[in-house]
Amino acid sequence: MPLLSDCKFPKLPRSLSRREFCATVGILATGSMLFGCSRANGSATNIAQTLSTQPTPSGPITAATVSIASTQAGAMPSSFVGLSYEKNSLSIPRFTGSNSDLIGLFKRLGSSLLRIGGNSVDETTWTPNGPGQTAGETAPSDVNALAAFLSAAGWRVLYGVNLAQSTPAVAASEVAYAAQTLGSSLYGIEIGNEPDLYAGNYFPSTWNFSDYLALWQSFASAILAQTPGVALTAPVIAYNTTWFNSFAQAEKKSIALLSAHYYRGNGQSASSTLQELISYPDANLESYLAALDSAAAGVGVPFRLAETNSFYNGGAPNISDSYASALWVIDHLFTIALGGGVGANLHGGGDGTGYTPIADSNGTVVEARAEYYGALLVALAGQGGLLSTNVAAGMLNVSAYTVQNTPTQLSVILVNKDQSQNLQFTATCPGAVSSASLQVLTGPSLSSTTGVTIQGSPVNLDGSFSPQSSYAVTVSENTFSGYVPTESAVLIVVNLG
């Protein structure tokens, strides 16, 4: 979808097959995670401290049952929760090795993937002799700064280059420098942005997929001739699944990753309301993912939503930045994972009243927004297989997800978007439960833009985070039970055996 920028407007070793990619995830996590530490995207564990009793929430309470099966319904890989920024981010002091606050907030999400692209990628020129930090240009010093940032944060980058208004030779020159400078921090190269929207903008209205494919192939050939073996990703569509499928069939395993974008709706539309944001399920997203998954599976290449967020055109003011976005993004990310995607990059940047997980002013961090907290809760759930999970709570707007971190540990997230009814849940596991602990994501109200916490703690500007003691969860044989207050989400770490 067309986006406004975040300013005045709002190396893979080889191409993995989709089957190989998922197999590397399995149900085993690769690390452990303490909520008070700086790591995420690993296996969540109980905190070694005395657990307190979860208080009974005030107000009406509805009983809910959660059924967790042993059947694997998907996977939550490492590096799933990523971020996306405009290419013009490189022209301001945002991604530098000295931006310690931003580095800290990235590290809090774990070791993941940054995507540099967006609309501005086709408005930015590679300037090998440029001074750097100049609007409309990318210079070697900008790439150097990005490399320092990535090294400090422990992230990799999906790096975009201009397709619509550049030449194959210029793109090849930029990629050669980026590959040499970024080294192992380079995940892959994205050529252009949303080419299914080029017609009538950069090219005549008659411009079509065949024109795009020929242009992309000319750029890809020049890039690979100068930098053999660099990973390429595509087609970076806004929404056109026909283009996605056609590109997948044409290029097959010459690319490392298939990518697409998704937004819930238009941020400038009156229909883009808070209630629309949190309504679940998102039928449009589910059908979109089904089409992408089918095309990707047909050629054995994984796919990722390399740019996504709530409403395009920078988001819906005072809605995309509200606490509701924290609950929405949990559903959004798990829906993508269950739909076959291997990751999602939440687009952002700047300090407007629309979307951005991390708000900043010319690169200086202002705050971690509500959406960041929802993404963090997903990251804290760790990685592994997604088990089939069903929740029954009458007509309430509730959802449930389970990550099997290890054969003896589950991370369960329950989301209660109802504004008046608390939940008292009883969950049934596919094995005996020995212990469980719970943490709560909460905010003052769905429309609040401040005051969001996880287990009573905010995330500070530098990414530091000191949650209070987890709540002990009542367990009995193969069940565990607790509460999900109104307008909140809980993360339960369950130990089996």
Protein backbone atom coordinates (compact mmCIF):
# COMPACT_ATOMS: atom_id res chain seq x y z
CA MET A 1 0.00 0.00 0.00
CA PRO A 2 1.22 3.57 -0.60
CA LEU A 3 2.86 4.96 2.50
CA LEU A 4 3.90 8.41 3.54
CA SER A 5 7.41 8.66 4.93
CA ASP A 6 8.09 8.89 8.63
CA CYS A 7 9.32 12.46 8.41
CA LYS A 8 7.03 15.16 7.06
CA PHE A 9 4.69 12.48 5.87
CA PRO A 10 3.43 10.33 7.82
CA LYS A 11 23.40 -12.98 3.97
CA LEU A 12 21.63 -15.94 3.69
CA PRO A 13 24.14 -18.79 3.02
CA ARG A 14 21.81 -20.18 0.36
CA SER A 15 18.15 -20.28 -0.59
CA LEU A 16 16.33 -22.50 1.88
CA SER A 17 13.21 -24.28 0.79
CA ARG A 18 10.11 -23.53 2.79
CA ARG A 19 10.17 -27.09 4.15
CA GLU A 20 13.85 -26.79 5.13
CA PHE A 21 13.25 -23.43 6.75
CA CYS A 22 10.44 -24.70 8.95
CA ALA A 23 12.37 -27.84 9.78
CA THR A 24 15.18 -25.75 11.22
CA VAL A 25 12.70 -24.24 13.65
CA GLY A 26 11.00 -27.41 14.88
CA ILE A 27 9.85 -27.23 18.43
CA LEU A 28 13.22 -26.65 20.03
CA ALA A 29 14.23 -23.17 21.12
CA THR A 30 17.87 -22.19 20.87
CA GLY A 31 18.27 -20.28 24.09
CA SER A 32 16.71 -19.26 27.36
CA MET A 33 15.12 -16.01 28.42
CA LEU A 34 14.71 -14.20 31.70
CA PHE A 35 12.21 -11.37 31.55
CA GLY A 36 14.58 -9.03 33.35
CA CYS A 37 17.47 -9.67 30.95
CA SER A 38 18.27 -8.21 27.56
CA ARG A 39 17.51 -11.27 25.46
CA ALA A 40 14.36 -12.25 23.64
CA ASN A 41 13.43 -14.56 20.77
CA GLY A 42 14.67 -17.51 22.80
CA SER A 43 12.94 -20.00 25.02
CA ALA A 44 10.94 -18.34 27.77
CA THR A 45 11.56 -19.69 31.26
CA ASN A 46 10.20 -19.27 34.74
CA ILE A 47 11.85 -16.51 36.71
CA ALA A 48 13.92 -17.74 39.64
CA GLN A 49 12.08 -15.74 42.26
CA THR A 50 9.12 -16.06 44.61
CA LEU A 51 5.91 -15.81 42.62
CA SER A 52 2.99 -13.79 43.92
CA THR A 53 -0.69 -14.69 43.63
CA GLN A 54 -2.57 -13.12 40.72
CA PRO A 55 -5.23 -10.76 42.10
CA THR A 56 -8.86 -11.34 41.16
CA PRO A 57 -9.78 -8.55 38.72
CA SER A 58 -12.61 -6.22 39.68
CA GLY A 59 -15.80 -6.22 37.63
CA PRO A 60 -17.72 -8.89 35.74
CA ILE A 61 -15.93 -12.16 35.06
CA THR A 62 -16.66 -14.59 32.22
CA ALA A 63 -15.45 -18.18 32.32
CA ALA A 64 -13.34 -19.32 29.38
CA THR A 65 -11.81 -22.62 28.38
CA VAL A 66 -8.60 -23.01 26.40
CA SER A 67 -7.70 -26.24 24.64
CA ILE A 68 -4.09 -26.77 23.60
CA ALA A 69 -3.52 -29.73 21.28
CA SER A 70 -0.30 -31.54 20.50
CA THR A 71 -0.82 -30.81 16.79
CA GLN A 72 1.63 -28.30 15.33
CA ALA A 73 -0.23 -25.62 13.36
CA GLY A 74 2.71 -23.47 12.36
CA ALA A 75 6.04 -22.15 13.55
CA MET A 76 7.42 -19.07 15.27
CA PRO A 77 11.00 -18.86 13.96
CA SER A 78 13.78 -16.80 15.44
CA SER A 79 13.96 -13.27 13.98
CA PHE A 80 10.21 -13.37 13.38
CA VAL A 81 9.42 -10.01 15.00
CA GLY A 82 11.29 -7.47 12.86
CA LEU A 83 11.09 -3.75 12.14
CA SER A 84 10.92 -1.80 8.88
CA TYR A 85 12.06 1.75 8.15
CA GLU A 86 12.20 4.03 5.13
CA LYS A 87 15.42 4.25 3.12
CA ASN A 88 15.56 7.95 3.97
CA SER A 89 16.29 6.86 7.55
CA LEU A 90 19.91 6.61 6.46
CA SER A 91 19.99 10.36 5.78
CA ILE A 92 19.41 11.25 9.46
CA PRO A 93 21.35 10.18 12.60
CA ARG A 94 19.03 7.27 13.36
CA PHE A 95 20.98 4.11 12.54
CA THR A 96 24.38 4.86 13.99
CA GLY A 97 26.68 3.01 16.36
CA SER A 98 26.28 5.78 18.95
CA ASN A 99 22.46 5.76 19.10
CA SER A 100 22.49 3.73 22.32
CA ASP A 101 18.80 4.15 23.15
CA LEU A 102 17.62 2.84 19.79
CA ILE A 103 20.18 0.04 19.98
CA GLY A 104 18.83 -0.91 23.40
CA LEU A 105 15.23 -1.03 22.20
CA PHE A 106 16.21 -3.19 19.24
CA LYS A 107 18.16 -5.55 21.49
CA ARG A 108 15.17 -5.83 23.82
CA LEU A 109 13.26 -7.52 20.99
CA GLY A 110 16.08 -10.02 20.53
CA SER A 111 18.35 -10.62 17.57
CA SER A 112 16.14 -9.99 14.55
CA LEU A 113 15.80 -8.40 11.10
CA LEU A 114 15.67 -4.72 10.13
CA ARG A 115 14.27 -3.89 6.72
CA ILE A 116 15.40 -0.65 5.02
CA GLY A 117 13.13 0.25 2.09
CA GLY A 118 9.67 1.82 1.75
CA ASN A 119 8.51 4.38 -0.77
CA SER A 120 11.61 6.49 -0.25
CA VAL A 121 13.85 3.72 -1.61
CA ASP A 122 12.75 4.68 -5.14
CA GLU A 123 13.38 8.35 -4.34
CA THR A 124 16.91 7.85 -3.05
CA THR A 125 20.07 7.93 -5.18
CA TRP A 126 23.31 6.08 -4.48
CA THR A 127 26.00 8.76 -4.28
CA PRO A 128 29.41 7.13 -3.84
CA ASN A 129 31.15 10.50 -3.40
CA GLY A 130 28.40 12.05 -1.27
CA PRO A 131 28.94 13.63 2.17
CA GLY A 132 26.35 11.44 3.90
CA GLN A 133 23.22 12.35 5.88
CA THR A 134 21.84 14.16 2.86
CA ALA A 135 18.17 13.97 1.89
CA GLY A 136 17.56 11.98 -1.29
CA GLU A 137 21.01 10.37 -1.22
CA THR A 138 22.73 7.36 0.26
CA ALA A 139 26.49 7.65 0.64
CA PRO A 140 29.15 5.20 1.84
CA SER A 141 29.27 6.89 5.27
CA ASP A 142 25.53 6.19 5.69
CA VAL A 143 26.11 2.49 5.06
CA ASN A 144 29.07 2.56 7.45
CA ALA A 145 26.83 4.01 10.17
CA LEU A 146 24.19 1.36 9.52
CA ALA A 147 26.83 -1.36 9.82
CA ALA A 148 27.91 -0.01 13.22
CA PHE A 149 24.29 0.07 14.41
CA LEU A 150 23.60 -3.50 13.31
CA SER A 151 26.77 -4.77 14.93
CA ALA A 152 25.87 -3.12 18.24
CA ALA A 153 22.23 -4.29 18.13
CA GLY A 154 22.97 -7.82 16.93
CA TRP A 155 20.47 -7.47 14.06
CA ARG A 156 20.71 -8.17 10.33
CA VAL A 157 19.31 -6.05 7.51
CA LEU A 158 17.16 -6.53 4.45
CA TYR A 159 18.62 -3.69 2.38
CA GLY A 160 16.60 -1.95 -0.36
CA VAL A 161 17.90 -0.26 -3.51
CA ASN A 162 16.22 2.03 -6.03
CA LEU A 163 14.51 0.27 -8.95
CA ALA A 164 12.07 2.84 -10.34
CA GLN A 165 14.50 5.73 -10.86
CA SER A 166 17.95 4.17 -11.03
CA THR A 167 19.98 1.97 -13.34
CA PRO A 168 21.31 -1.59 -13.01
CA ALA A 169 24.89 -0.30 -12.88
CA VAL A 170 24.16 2.15 -10.05
CA ALA A 171 22.25 -0.46 -8.06
CA ALA A 172 25.09 -2.96 -8.55
CA SER A 173 27.59 -0.42 -7.29
CA GLU A 174 25.56 0.27 -4.16
CA VAL A 175 25.01 -3.41 -3.41
CA ALA A 176 28.71 -4.14 -3.85
CA TYR A 177 29.58 -1.52 -1.24
CA ALA A 178 26.76 -2.57 1.09
CA ALA A 179 27.70 -6.24 0.91
CA GLN A 180 31.37 -5.53 1.64
CA THR A 181 30.58 -3.14 4.49
CA LEU A 182 27.69 -4.96 6.13
CA GLY A 183 29.24 -8.40 5.82
CA SER A 184 27.36 -11.04 7.80
CA SER A 185 24.85 -8.40 8.93
CA LEU A 186 23.40 -8.36 5.40
CA TYR A 187 20.41 -10.69 5.17
CA GLY A 188 19.51 -9.89 1.58
CA ILE A 189 18.80 -7.25 -1.06
CA GLU A 190 15.39 -5.85 -1.92
CA ILE A 191 15.13 -4.21 -5.36
CA GLY A 192 12.48 -1.48 -5.46
CA ASN A 193 9.30 -1.11 -3.42
CA GLU A 194 5.72 -2.07 -4.28
CA PRO A 195 6.23 -2.35 -8.04
CA ASP A 196 2.57 -3.29 -8.50
CA LEU A 197 1.86 0.42 -7.84
CA TYR A 198 4.44 1.80 -10.30
CA ALA A 199 1.97 2.09 -13.20
CA GLY A 200 0.77 5.67 -13.53
CA ASN A 201 3.42 6.84 -11.09
CA TYR A 202 6.96 6.06 -12.23
CA PHE A 203 5.83 4.42 -15.48
CA PRO A 204 2.91 4.72 -17.93
CA SER A 205 -0.46 3.30 -16.90
CA THR A 206 0.10 0.43 -19.35
CA TRP A 207 3.16 -0.77 -17.37
CA ASN A 208 2.54 -4.36 -16.27
CA PHE A 209 4.08 -7.42 -14.63
CA SER A 210 6.08 -8.42 -17.71
CA ASP A 211 7.65 -4.96 -17.75
CA TYR A 212 8.47 -5.27 -14.05
CA LEU A 213 9.98 -8.74 -14.36
CA ALA A 214 12.24 -7.68 -17.24
CA LEU A 215 13.38 -4.61 -15.31
CA TRP A 216 13.97 -6.59 -12.11
CA GLN A 217 15.95 -9.24 -13.97
CA SER A 218 18.21 -6.60 -15.54
CA PHE A 219 18.98 -5.19 -12.08
CA ALA A 220 19.44 -8.65 -10.56
CA SER A 221 21.86 -9.68 -13.31
CA ALA A 222 23.99 -6.57 -12.84
CA ILE A 223 24.01 -6.98 -9.05
CA LEU A 224 24.98 -10.65 -9.16
CA ALA A 225 27.67 -10.01 -11.79
CA GLN A 226 29.38 -7.59 -9.44
CA THR A 227 28.53 -9.32 -6.14
CA PRO A 228 28.11 -13.05 -6.83
CA GLY A 229 26.21 -14.97 -4.22
CA VAL A 230 24.47 -12.02 -2.59
CA ALA A 231 20.94 -13.02 -1.54
CA LEU A 232 18.08 -11.36 -3.44
CA THR A 233 14.50 -11.05 -2.21
CA ALA A 234 11.34 -10.07 -4.08
CA PRO A 235 8.76 -9.14 -5.35
CA VAL A 236 7.99 -6.64 -2.53
CA ILE A 237 4.37 -6.27 -3.64
CA ALA A 238 1.86 -3.92 -2.03
CA TYR A 239 -1.03 -6.35 -2.42
CA ASN A 240 -1.15 -8.00 -5.87
CA THR A 241 -1.02 -11.75 -5.23
CA THR A 242 -1.12 -12.49 -8.96
CA TRP A 243 2.20 -10.66 -9.32
CA PHE A 244 3.52 -12.53 -6.28
CA ASN A 245 2.63 -15.91 -7.75
CA SER A 246 3.89 -15.02 -11.23
CA PHE A 247 7.20 -13.79 -9.84
CA ALA A 248 7.59 -16.92 -7.71
CA GLN A 249 7.02 -19.12 -10.73
CA ALA A 250 9.42 -17.10 -12.89
CA GLU A 251 12.33 -16.87 -10.47
CA LYS A 252 11.80 -19.88 -8.19
CA LYS A 253 14.96 -20.58 -6.21
CA SER A 254 17.06 -17.79 -7.66
CA ILE A 255 15.79 -15.77 -4.70
CA ALA A 256 16.27 -16.38 -0.99
CA LEU A 257 12.94 -14.99 0.17
CA LEU A 258 9.56 -13.98 -1.24
CA SER A 259 8.18 -10.79 0.28
CA ALA A 260 4.94 -8.88 0.39
CA HIS A 261 3.31 -6.04 2.34
CA TYR A 262 0.04 -5.78 4.25
CA TYR A 263 -2.01 -3.06 5.97
CA ARG A 264 -5.43 -3.35 7.56
CA GLY A 265 -6.80 -0.33 5.70
CA ASN A 266 -6.35 3.33 4.82
CA GLY A 267 -5.36 5.54 7.74
CA GLN A 268 -7.17 8.46 6.14
CA SER A 269 -10.46 6.58 5.93
CA ALA A 270 -13.25 7.19 8.45
CA SER A 271 -13.71 3.42 8.63
CA SER A 272 -10.23 2.96 10.12
CA THR A 273 -11.43 3.02 13.71
CA LEU A 274 -10.17 1.62 16.97
CA GLN A 275 -12.83 -1.08 16.94
CA GLU A 276 -11.95 -1.99 13.36
CA LEU A 277 -8.33 -2.35 14.40
CA ILE A 278 -8.97 -4.85 17.19
CA SER A 279 -11.74 -6.82 15.50
CA TYR A 280 -10.60 -10.38 15.03
CA PRO A 281 -10.07 -12.43 12.93
CA ASP A 282 -8.85 -10.32 10.01
CA ALA A 283 -10.44 -12.24 7.14
CA ASN A 284 -8.61 -10.19 4.50
CA LEU A 285 -5.25 -10.99 6.06
CA GLU A 286 -6.06 -14.68 6.34
CA SER A 287 -7.07 -14.97 2.67
CA TYR A 288 -4.03 -12.91 1.62
CA LEU A 289 -1.70 -15.18 3.58
CA ALA A 290 -3.33 -18.27 2.11
CA ALA A 291 -2.56 -17.02 -1.40
CA LEU A 292 1.03 -16.13 -0.49
CA ASP A 293 1.60 -19.43 1.29
CA SER A 294 0.29 -21.41 -1.66
CA ALA A 295 2.56 -19.59 -4.10
CA ALA A 296 5.60 -19.86 -1.81
CA ALA A 297 5.03 -23.54 -1.07
CA GLY A 298 4.68 -24.23 -4.78
CA VAL A 299 8.27 -23.14 -5.41
CA GLY A 300 9.81 -24.10 -2.06
CA VAL A 301 10.81 -20.57 -1.02
CA PRO A 302 9.77 -19.00 2.33
CA PHE A 303 7.82 -15.74 2.43
CA ARG A 304 7.80 -12.79 4.80
CA LEU A 305 5.65 -9.70 5.26
CA ALA A 306 8.65 -7.39 5.03
CA GLU A 307 6.48 -4.31 5.57
CA THR A 308 3.29 -4.27 7.60
CA ASN A 309 1.41 -2.27 10.20
CA SER A 310 -2.10 -1.18 11.09
CA PHE A 311 -3.36 1.39 8.54
CA TYR A 312 -1.36 2.74 5.61
CA ASN A 313 -0.70 6.42 4.89
CA GLY A 314 1.24 6.55 8.14
CA GLY A 315 -1.54 5.08 10.25
CA ALA A 316 -4.82 6.39 11.67
CA PRO A 317 -4.03 9.29 14.05
CA ASN A 318 -4.62 8.52 17.73
CA ILE A 319 -5.65 4.96 16.83
CA SER A 320 -2.53 3.38 15.35
CA ASP A 321 -0.56 4.80 18.30
CA SER A 322 -3.12 3.82 20.95
CA TYR A 323 -2.92 0.99 23.48
CA ALA A 324 -5.29 -0.95 21.22
CA SER A 325 -2.38 -1.37 18.81
CA ALA A 326 -0.53 -3.43 21.44
CA LEU A 327 -3.34 -5.99 21.52
CA TRP A 328 -3.89 -5.83 17.75
CA VAL A 329 -0.24 -6.53 16.91
CA ILE A 330 -0.23 -9.73 18.97
CA ASP A 331 -3.09 -11.14 16.89
CA HIS A 332 -1.49 -9.76 13.74
CA LEU A 333 1.90 -11.39 14.28
CA PHE A 334 0.52 -14.77 15.29
CA THR A 335 -1.90 -14.75 12.35
CA ILE A 336 1.05 -14.24 10.01
CA ALA A 337 2.99 -17.08 11.64
CA LEU A 338 0.00 -19.43 11.52
CA GLY A 339 -0.54 -18.38 7.89
CA GLY A 340 2.91 -19.64 6.90
CA GLY A 341 4.95 -16.44 7.05
CA VAL A 342 8.47 -16.71 8.45
CA GLY A 343 8.49 -13.16 9.76
CA ALA A 344 6.96 -9.71 9.81
CA ASN A 345 8.57 -6.27 9.80
CA LEU A 346 6.53 -3.56 11.50
CA HIS A 347 6.98 -0.31 9.59
CA GLY A 348 7.71 2.84 11.52
CA GLY A 349 9.87 5.82 12.31
CA GLY A 350 9.26 9.40 13.40
CA ASP A 351 7.05 10.80 16.14
CA GLY A 352 3.69 11.37 14.48
CA THR A 353 0.27 10.34 15.82
CA GLY A 354 0.11 7.33 13.51
CA TYR A 355 1.96 4.05 13.72
CA THR A 356 5.52 3.35 14.82
CA PRO A 357 6.67 0.83 17.42
CA ILE A 358 9.49 3.17 18.46
CA ALA A 359 8.94 6.93 18.29
CA ASP A 360 11.95 9.12 17.54
CA SER A 361 12.70 12.71 16.62
CA ASN A 362 15.38 12.92 13.95
CA GLY A 363 16.80 9.67 15.28
CA THR A 364 16.60 10.53 19.00
CA VAL A 365 14.32 8.06 20.79
CA VAL A 366 11.19 9.63 22.26
CA GLU A 367 9.46 6.50 23.59
CA ALA A 368 8.57 2.89 23.04
CA ARG A 369 4.97 3.08 21.78
CA ALA A 370 2.13 0.76 22.74
CA GLU A 371 2.67 -1.37 19.62
CA TYR A 372 6.22 -2.07 20.77
CA TYR A 373 4.88 -3.65 23.96
CA GLY A 374 2.67 -6.05 22.01
CA ALA A 375 5.57 -6.99 19.76
CA LEU A 376 7.75 -7.46 22.84
CA LEU A 377 5.24 -9.82 24.44
CA VAL A 378 5.35 -11.96 21.29
CA ALA A 379 9.15 -11.90 21.34
CA LEU A 380 9.14 -12.88 25.01
CA ALA A 381 7.05 -15.93 24.14
CA GLY A 382 10.14 -17.23 22.37
CA GLN A 383 10.39 -19.46 19.35
CA GLY A 384 9.29 -22.93 18.39
CA GLY A 385 6.33 -24.77 16.96
CA LEU A 386 2.86 -23.22 17.20
CA LEU A 387 0.40 -25.68 18.69
CA SER A 388 -3.24 -25.72 17.67
CA THR A 389 -5.03 -23.68 20.36
CA ASN A 390 -8.74 -22.93 20.74
CA VAL A 391 -10.47 -20.64 23.21
CA ALA A 392 -14.18 -20.62 24.09
CA ALA A 393 -15.37 -17.40 25.77
CA GLY A 394 -18.86 -16.86 24.45
CA MET A 395 -19.09 -13.85 22.16
CA LEU A 396 -16.12 -12.03 23.69
CA ASN A 397 -13.28 -10.77 21.51
CA VAL A 398 -10.62 -13.19 22.78
CA SER A 399 -7.73 -15.04 21.13
CA ALA A 400 -5.16 -17.60 22.25
CA TYR A 401 -1.78 -18.84 20.96
CA THR A 402 0.75 -21.43 22.11
CA VAL A 403 4.47 -21.66 21.34
CA GLN A 404 6.18 -24.94 22.20
CA ASN A 405 9.63 -23.70 23.18
CA THR A 406 10.93 -27.13 24.15
CA PRO A 407 9.32 -30.56 24.61
CA THR A 408 8.67 -29.64 28.26
CA GLN A 409 7.86 -25.93 28.02
CA LEU A 410 5.04 -23.92 26.49
CA SER A 411 4.49 -20.18 26.22
CA VAL A 412 0.80 -19.34 26.00
CA ILE A 413 -0.55 -15.88 25.14
CA LEU A 414 -4.20 -15.01 25.79
CA VAL A 415 -5.61 -11.70 24.52
CA ASN A 416 -8.82 -10.22 25.95
CA LYS A 417 -9.96 -7.21 23.94
CA ASP A 418 -13.34 -6.95 25.67
CA GLN A 419 -13.88 -3.62 27.43
CA SER A 420 -16.10 -4.86 30.27
CA GLN A 421 -15.62 -8.60 30.87
CA ASN A 422 -12.63 -10.10 32.64
CA LEU A 423 -11.77 -13.71 31.84
CA GLN A 424 -11.27 -16.56 34.25
CA PHE A 425 -9.65 -19.23 32.09
CA THR A 426 -8.94 -22.91 32.49
CA ALA A 427 -6.52 -24.31 29.95
CA THR A 428 -5.98 -27.97 29.10
CA CYS A 429 -2.50 -29.05 27.96
CA PRO A 430 -1.32 -32.11 26.00
CA GLY A 431 0.61 -33.27 29.06
CA ALA A 432 0.87 -32.97 32.83
CA VAL A 433 1.60 -29.46 34.12
CA SER A 434 4.20 -29.12 36.87
CA SER A 435 4.19 -25.33 37.23
CA ALA A 436 3.25 -22.13 35.43
CA SER A 437 3.80 -18.38 35.81
CA LEU A 438 1.97 -15.42 34.31
CA GLN A 439 2.72 -11.84 33.31
CA VAL A 440 0.20 -9.20 32.20
CA LEU A 441 0.37 -6.60 29.42
CA THR A 442 -1.98 -3.77 30.28
CA GLY A 443 -2.81 -0.10 29.62
CA PRO A 444 -5.18 2.54 31.01
CA SER A 445 -7.70 2.10 28.17
CA LEU A 446 -7.79 1.03 24.54
CA SER A 447 -7.56 4.67 23.42
CA SER A 448 -4.67 5.57 25.75
CA THR A 449 -1.38 6.49 24.11
CA THR A 450 0.70 6.27 27.30
CA GLY A 451 0.85 4.15 30.44
CA VAL A 452 1.38 0.72 28.88
CA THR A 453 3.28 -1.82 30.98
CA ILE A 454 4.21 -5.49 31.11
CA GLN A 455 3.88 -6.84 34.63
CA GLY A 456 3.82 -3.30 35.98
CA SER A 457 6.97 -2.16 34.22
CA PRO A 458 7.46 0.27 31.35
CA VAL A 459 10.21 -0.19 28.80
CA ASN A 460 12.66 2.66 29.26
CA LEU A 461 14.16 4.76 26.47
CA ASP A 462 17.33 2.67 26.47
CA GLY A 463 15.42 -0.64 26.37
CA SER A 464 15.95 -1.43 30.05
CA PHE A 465 13.00 -3.28 31.56
CA SER A 466 12.43 -4.52 35.13
CA PRO A 467 9.07 -6.28 35.46
CA GLN A 468 7.67 -7.18 38.83
CA SER A 469 7.48 -10.79 40.00
CA SER A 470 5.40 -13.08 37.83
CA TYR A 471 2.14 -14.40 39.20
CA ALA A 472 1.90 -18.04 40.20
CA VAL A 473 -0.67 -19.93 38.17
CA THR A 474 -2.89 -22.62 39.66
CA VAL A 475 -2.11 -26.03 38.14
CA SER A 476 -3.83 -29.41 38.41
CA GLU A 477 -2.85 -32.49 36.45
CA ASN A 478 -2.92 -31.33 32.80
CA THR A 479 -4.64 -27.96 33.41
CA PHE A 480 -3.71 -24.47 34.56
CA SER A 481 -5.98 -21.53 35.36
CA GLY A 482 -5.90 -17.80 35.97
CA TYR A 483 -7.30 -14.46 34.87
CA VAL A 484 -7.07 -12.20 31.84
CA PRO A 485 -8.33 -8.74 32.85
CA THR A 486 -10.34 -6.59 30.46
CA GLU A 487 -8.35 -5.01 27.64
CA SER A 488 -5.19 -6.95 28.39
CA ALA A 489 -3.00 -9.83 27.30
CA VAL A 490 -1.19 -12.39 29.43
CA LEU A 491 1.88 -14.52 28.80
CA ILE A 492 1.91 -17.82 30.69
CA VAL A 493 5.05 -19.92 30.80
CA VAL A 494 4.01 -23.54 31.38
CA ASN A 495 6.36 -26.30 32.48
CA LEU A 496 5.29 -29.84 31.62
CA GLY A 497 6.25 -33.09 33.29
